Amino acid sequence: MARTVLLTCPVCGAMRALVGDLDTHDRSALGDVVVDHLDAHRLGESARALRKHEAVSTAEERIVGDGELDALPTEEWLAALPTEARGPTQSR
């Protein structure tokens, strides 16, 4: 079992998983990951800052099995989570 932090882009809904928990990733590091993705949306500086804080504040911590961890987008943002990685509250 592994702990992951799931970030969701408030603009397009893409997701990114980071191995670890919310205690091991400080808010500024999470923000850096989000800003790298938000740059592709070509938002203005104010909108980008608001969306960055929104994504960081809604980050979820999950405990996942090894098979689920392999299915999560840990290297890049993904438009939708693979079926194996969806939690019980996420629609298919």
N, C-alpha and C. Protein backbone atom coordinates (compact mmCIF):
# COMPACT_ATOMS: atom_id res chain seq x y z
N MET A 1 0.84 -1.17 0.00
CA MET A 1 0.00 0.00 0.00
C MET A 1 0.89 1.25 0.00
N ALA A 2 0.42 2.24 -0.72
CA ALA A 2 1.18 3.49 -0.82
C ALA A 2 0.23 4.67 -0.64
N ARG A 3 0.77 5.76 -0.15
CA ARG A 3 0.00 6.99 -0.03
C ARG A 3 0.28 7.85 -1.27
N THR A 4 -0.76 8.48 -1.78
CA THR A 4 -0.61 9.39 -2.90
C THR A 4 -1.42 10.66 -2.65
N VAL A 5 -0.99 11.71 -3.29
CA VAL A 5 -1.73 12.97 -3.29
C VAL A 5 -2.23 13.17 -4.71
N LEU A 6 -3.54 13.34 -4.86
CA LEU A 6 -4.12 13.59 -6.17
C LEU A 6 -4.45 15.06 -6.33
N LEU A 7 -3.92 15.64 -7.39
CA LEU A 7 -4.20 17.02 -7.75
C LEU A 7 -5.15 17.02 -8.94
N THR A 8 -6.12 17.92 -8.95
CA THR A 8 -7.05 18.05 -10.05
C THR A 8 -6.98 19.46 -10.60
N CYS A 9 -6.85 19.58 -11.91
CA CYS A 9 -6.82 20.89 -12.54
C CYS A 9 -8.23 21.47 -12.53
N PRO A 10 -8.41 22.67 -11.96
CA PRO A 10 -9.74 23.27 -11.90
C PRO A 10 -10.21 23.80 -13.26
N VAL A 11 -9.33 23.83 -14.24
CA VAL A 11 -9.70 24.32 -15.57
C VAL A 11 -10.19 23.19 -16.46
N CYS A 12 -9.42 22.10 -16.54
CA CYS A 12 -9.76 21.03 -17.48
C CYS A 12 -10.11 19.70 -16.82
N GLY A 13 -9.90 19.58 -15.50
CA GLY A 13 -10.23 18.34 -14.81
C GLY A 13 -9.16 17.27 -14.88
N ALA A 14 -8.02 17.56 -15.53
CA ALA A 14 -6.94 16.58 -15.59
C ALA A 14 -6.43 16.31 -14.18
N MET A 15 -5.84 15.12 -14.00
CA MET A 15 -5.35 14.74 -12.68
C MET A 15 -3.88 14.36 -12.74
N ARG A 16 -3.23 14.52 -11.59
CA ARG A 16 -1.82 14.14 -11.43
C ARG A 16 -1.66 13.59 -10.04
N ALA A 17 -0.95 12.50 -9.92
CA ALA A 17 -0.71 11.86 -8.62
C ALA A 17 0.75 12.03 -8.23
N LEU A 18 0.96 12.31 -6.96
CA LEU A 18 2.31 12.41 -6.40
C LEU A 18 2.43 11.38 -5.29
N VAL A 19 3.46 10.59 -5.33
CA VAL A 19 3.66 9.58 -4.30
C VAL A 19 4.03 10.28 -3.00
N GLY A 20 3.38 9.91 -1.92
CA GLY A 20 3.60 10.51 -0.62
C GLY A 20 2.28 10.99 -0.06
N ASP A 21 2.34 11.73 1.03
CA ASP A 21 1.11 12.25 1.62
C ASP A 21 1.19 13.76 1.71
N LEU A 22 0.12 14.37 2.19
CA LEU A 22 0.07 15.83 2.27
C LEU A 22 1.11 16.39 3.24
N ASP A 23 1.61 15.56 4.14
CA ASP A 23 2.64 16.02 5.07
C ASP A 23 4.03 16.03 4.43
N THR A 24 4.25 15.18 3.41
CA THR A 24 5.57 15.12 2.78
C THR A 24 5.71 16.11 1.62
N HIS A 25 4.60 16.60 1.09
CA HIS A 25 4.62 17.58 0.01
C HIS A 25 4.13 18.91 0.56
N ASP A 26 5.00 19.90 0.62
CA ASP A 26 4.53 21.19 1.12
C ASP A 26 3.69 21.89 0.04
N ARG A 27 2.92 22.85 0.47
CA ARG A 27 1.97 23.52 -0.43
C ARG A 27 2.68 24.20 -1.60
N SER A 28 3.86 24.73 -1.37
CA SER A 28 4.56 25.41 -2.47
C SER A 28 5.01 24.40 -3.53
N ALA A 29 5.42 23.21 -3.12
CA ALA A 29 5.82 22.18 -4.08
C ALA A 29 4.61 21.71 -4.89
N LEU A 30 3.46 21.55 -4.22
CA LEU A 30 2.23 21.19 -4.94
C LEU A 30 1.87 22.30 -5.93
N GLY A 31 2.01 23.54 -5.48
CA GLY A 31 1.71 24.68 -6.35
C GLY A 31 2.59 24.71 -7.58
N ASP A 32 3.86 24.35 -7.43
CA ASP A 32 4.78 24.33 -8.57
C ASP A 32 4.34 23.32 -9.62
N VAL A 33 3.87 22.15 -9.15
CA VAL A 33 3.39 21.12 -10.07
C VAL A 33 2.15 21.62 -10.82
N VAL A 34 1.26 22.28 -10.09
CA VAL A 34 0.04 22.80 -10.69
C VAL A 34 0.35 23.92 -11.70
N VAL A 35 1.23 24.84 -11.34
CA VAL A 35 1.55 25.96 -12.23
C VAL A 35 2.14 25.47 -13.54
N ASP A 36 2.97 24.44 -13.49
CA ASP A 36 3.54 23.89 -14.72
C ASP A 36 2.42 23.46 -15.67
N HIS A 37 1.37 22.86 -15.12
CA HIS A 37 0.24 22.43 -15.95
C HIS A 37 -0.61 23.63 -16.38
N LEU A 38 -0.87 24.55 -15.47
CA LEU A 38 -1.73 25.70 -15.78
C LEU A 38 -1.13 26.59 -16.86
N ASP A 39 0.18 26.60 -16.99
CA ASP A 39 0.83 27.40 -18.03
C ASP A 39 0.31 27.02 -19.42
N ALA A 40 -0.04 25.76 -19.61
CA ALA A 40 -0.55 25.30 -20.91
C ALA A 40 -1.93 25.90 -21.21
N HIS A 41 -2.65 26.34 -20.18
CA HIS A 41 -3.97 26.93 -20.39
C HIS A 41 -3.90 28.41 -20.74
N ARG A 42 -2.72 28.99 -20.67
CA ARG A 42 -2.49 30.40 -21.04
C ARG A 42 -3.42 31.35 -20.28
N LEU A 43 -3.49 31.14 -18.98
CA LEU A 43 -4.30 32.01 -18.13
C LEU A 43 -3.53 33.27 -17.78
N GLY A 44 -4.25 34.31 -17.46
CA GLY A 44 -3.61 35.52 -16.96
C GLY A 44 -3.01 35.23 -15.59
N GLU A 45 -2.15 36.12 -15.14
CA GLU A 45 -1.45 35.90 -13.87
C GLU A 45 -2.41 35.74 -12.69
N SER A 46 -3.42 36.58 -12.60
CA SER A 46 -4.38 36.50 -11.49
C SER A 46 -5.19 35.21 -11.54
N ALA A 47 -5.68 34.87 -12.73
CA ALA A 47 -6.48 33.64 -12.88
C ALA A 47 -5.62 32.41 -12.57
N ARG A 48 -4.38 32.43 -13.03
CA ARG A 48 -3.49 31.29 -12.76
C ARG A 48 -3.24 31.15 -11.27
N ALA A 49 -3.03 32.24 -10.57
CA ALA A 49 -2.79 32.19 -9.12
C ALA A 49 -4.01 31.65 -8.39
N LEU A 50 -5.19 32.10 -8.77
CA LEU A 50 -6.42 31.60 -8.14
C LEU A 50 -6.61 30.11 -8.39
N ARG A 51 -6.41 29.68 -9.63
CA ARG A 51 -6.58 28.26 -9.97
C ARG A 51 -5.54 27.39 -9.29
N LYS A 52 -4.32 27.92 -9.14
CA LYS A 52 -3.27 27.17 -8.44
C LYS A 52 -3.70 26.91 -6.99
N HIS A 53 -4.15 27.94 -6.32
CA HIS A 53 -4.56 27.79 -4.92
C HIS A 53 -5.78 26.88 -4.80
N GLU A 54 -6.68 26.95 -5.76
CA GLU A 54 -7.85 26.07 -5.77
C GLU A 54 -7.42 24.60 -5.89
N ALA A 55 -6.51 24.32 -6.81
CA ALA A 55 -6.05 22.94 -7.00
C ALA A 55 -5.33 22.41 -5.77
N VAL A 56 -4.49 23.23 -5.16
CA VAL A 56 -3.75 22.79 -3.97
C VAL A 56 -4.70 22.58 -2.80
N SER A 57 -5.67 23.46 -2.63
CA SER A 57 -6.58 23.33 -1.48
C SER A 57 -7.53 22.15 -1.62
N THR A 58 -7.75 21.67 -2.83
CA THR A 58 -8.64 20.51 -3.02
C THR A 58 -7.88 19.21 -3.24
N ALA A 59 -6.56 19.24 -3.04
CA ALA A 59 -5.77 18.02 -3.20
C ALA A 59 -6.28 16.93 -2.26
N GLU A 60 -6.34 15.70 -2.76
CA GLU A 60 -6.82 14.56 -1.98
C GLU A 60 -5.67 13.63 -1.65
N GLU A 61 -5.69 13.10 -0.46
CA GLU A 61 -4.71 12.07 -0.08
C GLU A 61 -5.43 10.73 -0.12
N ARG A 62 -4.81 9.75 -0.77
CA ARG A 62 -5.40 8.41 -0.87
C ARG A 62 -4.36 7.35 -0.55
N ILE A 63 -4.86 6.24 -0.04
CA ILE A 63 -4.03 5.05 0.14
C ILE A 63 -4.42 4.09 -0.98
N VAL A 64 -3.44 3.70 -1.77
CA VAL A 64 -3.72 2.85 -2.93
C VAL A 64 -2.84 1.61 -2.91
N GLY A 65 -3.32 0.55 -3.53
CA GLY A 65 -2.54 -0.67 -3.68
C GLY A 65 -1.48 -0.49 -4.76
N ASP A 66 -0.53 -1.41 -4.81
CA ASP A 66 0.56 -1.29 -5.79
C ASP A 66 0.04 -1.27 -7.23
N GLY A 67 -0.96 -2.09 -7.53
CA GLY A 67 -1.52 -2.11 -8.88
C GLY A 67 -2.18 -0.79 -9.23
N GLU A 68 -2.85 -0.19 -8.26
CA GLU A 68 -3.48 1.11 -8.48
C GLU A 68 -2.44 2.20 -8.66
N LEU A 69 -1.37 2.13 -7.88
CA LEU A 69 -0.31 3.13 -7.99
C LEU A 69 0.30 3.12 -9.38
N ASP A 70 0.50 1.94 -9.94
CA ASP A 70 1.07 1.84 -11.29
C ASP A 70 0.16 2.46 -12.34
N ALA A 71 -1.15 2.50 -12.07
CA ALA A 71 -2.11 3.03 -13.04
C ALA A 71 -2.30 4.55 -12.92
N LEU A 72 -1.80 5.15 -11.84
CA LEU A 72 -1.98 6.59 -11.63
C LEU A 72 -1.00 7.41 -12.46
N PRO A 73 -1.41 8.60 -12.85
CA PRO A 73 -0.54 9.48 -13.65
C PRO A 73 0.49 10.19 -12.77
N THR A 74 1.61 9.53 -12.50
CA THR A 74 2.62 10.10 -11.61
C THR A 74 3.69 10.91 -12.35
N GLU A 75 3.76 10.76 -13.66
CA GLU A 75 4.79 11.47 -14.43
C GLU A 75 4.24 12.68 -15.17
N GLU A 76 2.95 12.67 -15.49
CA GLU A 76 2.36 13.78 -16.23
C GLU A 76 0.88 13.87 -15.90
N TRP A 77 0.23 14.93 -16.34
CA TRP A 77 -1.19 15.12 -16.11
C TRP A 77 -1.96 14.25 -17.08
N LEU A 78 -3.07 13.70 -16.62
CA LEU A 78 -3.90 12.81 -17.42
C LEU A 78 -5.33 13.32 -17.39
N ALA A 79 -5.98 13.33 -18.56
CA ALA A 79 -7.33 13.88 -18.67
C ALA A 79 -8.34 13.14 -17.81
N ALA A 80 -8.20 11.84 -17.63
CA ALA A 80 -9.12 11.07 -16.78
C ALA A 80 -8.34 9.94 -16.13
N LEU A 81 -8.71 9.61 -14.92
CA LEU A 81 -8.03 8.51 -14.24
C LEU A 81 -8.39 7.18 -14.89
N PRO A 82 -7.44 6.27 -14.96
CA PRO A 82 -7.75 4.93 -15.45
C PRO A 82 -8.81 4.27 -14.55
N THR A 83 -9.59 3.38 -15.10
CA THR A 83 -10.66 2.71 -14.37
C THR A 83 -10.15 2.07 -13.09
N GLU A 84 -8.96 1.46 -13.13
CA GLU A 84 -8.42 0.77 -11.95
C GLU A 84 -8.15 1.72 -10.80
N ALA A 85 -7.93 3.00 -11.09
CA ALA A 85 -7.52 3.95 -10.06
C ALA A 85 -8.68 4.80 -9.53
N ARG A 86 -9.85 4.64 -10.08
CA ARG A 86 -10.99 5.45 -9.64
C ARG A 86 -11.48 4.99 -8.29
N GLY A 87 -11.75 5.95 -7.44
CA GLY A 87 -12.28 5.65 -6.13
C GLY A 87 -13.77 5.39 -6.22
N PRO A 88 -14.38 4.97 -5.11
CA PRO A 88 -15.80 4.65 -5.13
C PRO A 88 -16.70 5.87 -5.37
N THR A 89 -16.20 7.08 -5.15
CA THR A 89 -17.04 8.27 -5.33
C THR A 89 -16.93 8.86 -6.72
N GLN A 90 -16.00 8.37 -7.52
CA GLN A 90 -15.83 8.93 -8.86
C GLN A 90 -16.67 8.18 -9.86
N SER A 91 -17.33 8.92 -10.75
CA SER A 91 -18.17 8.28 -11.76
C SER A 91 -17.31 7.70 -12.86
N ARG A 92 -17.85 6.72 -13.52
CA ARG A 92 -17.14 6.07 -14.62
C ARG A 92 -17.65 6.67 -15.86
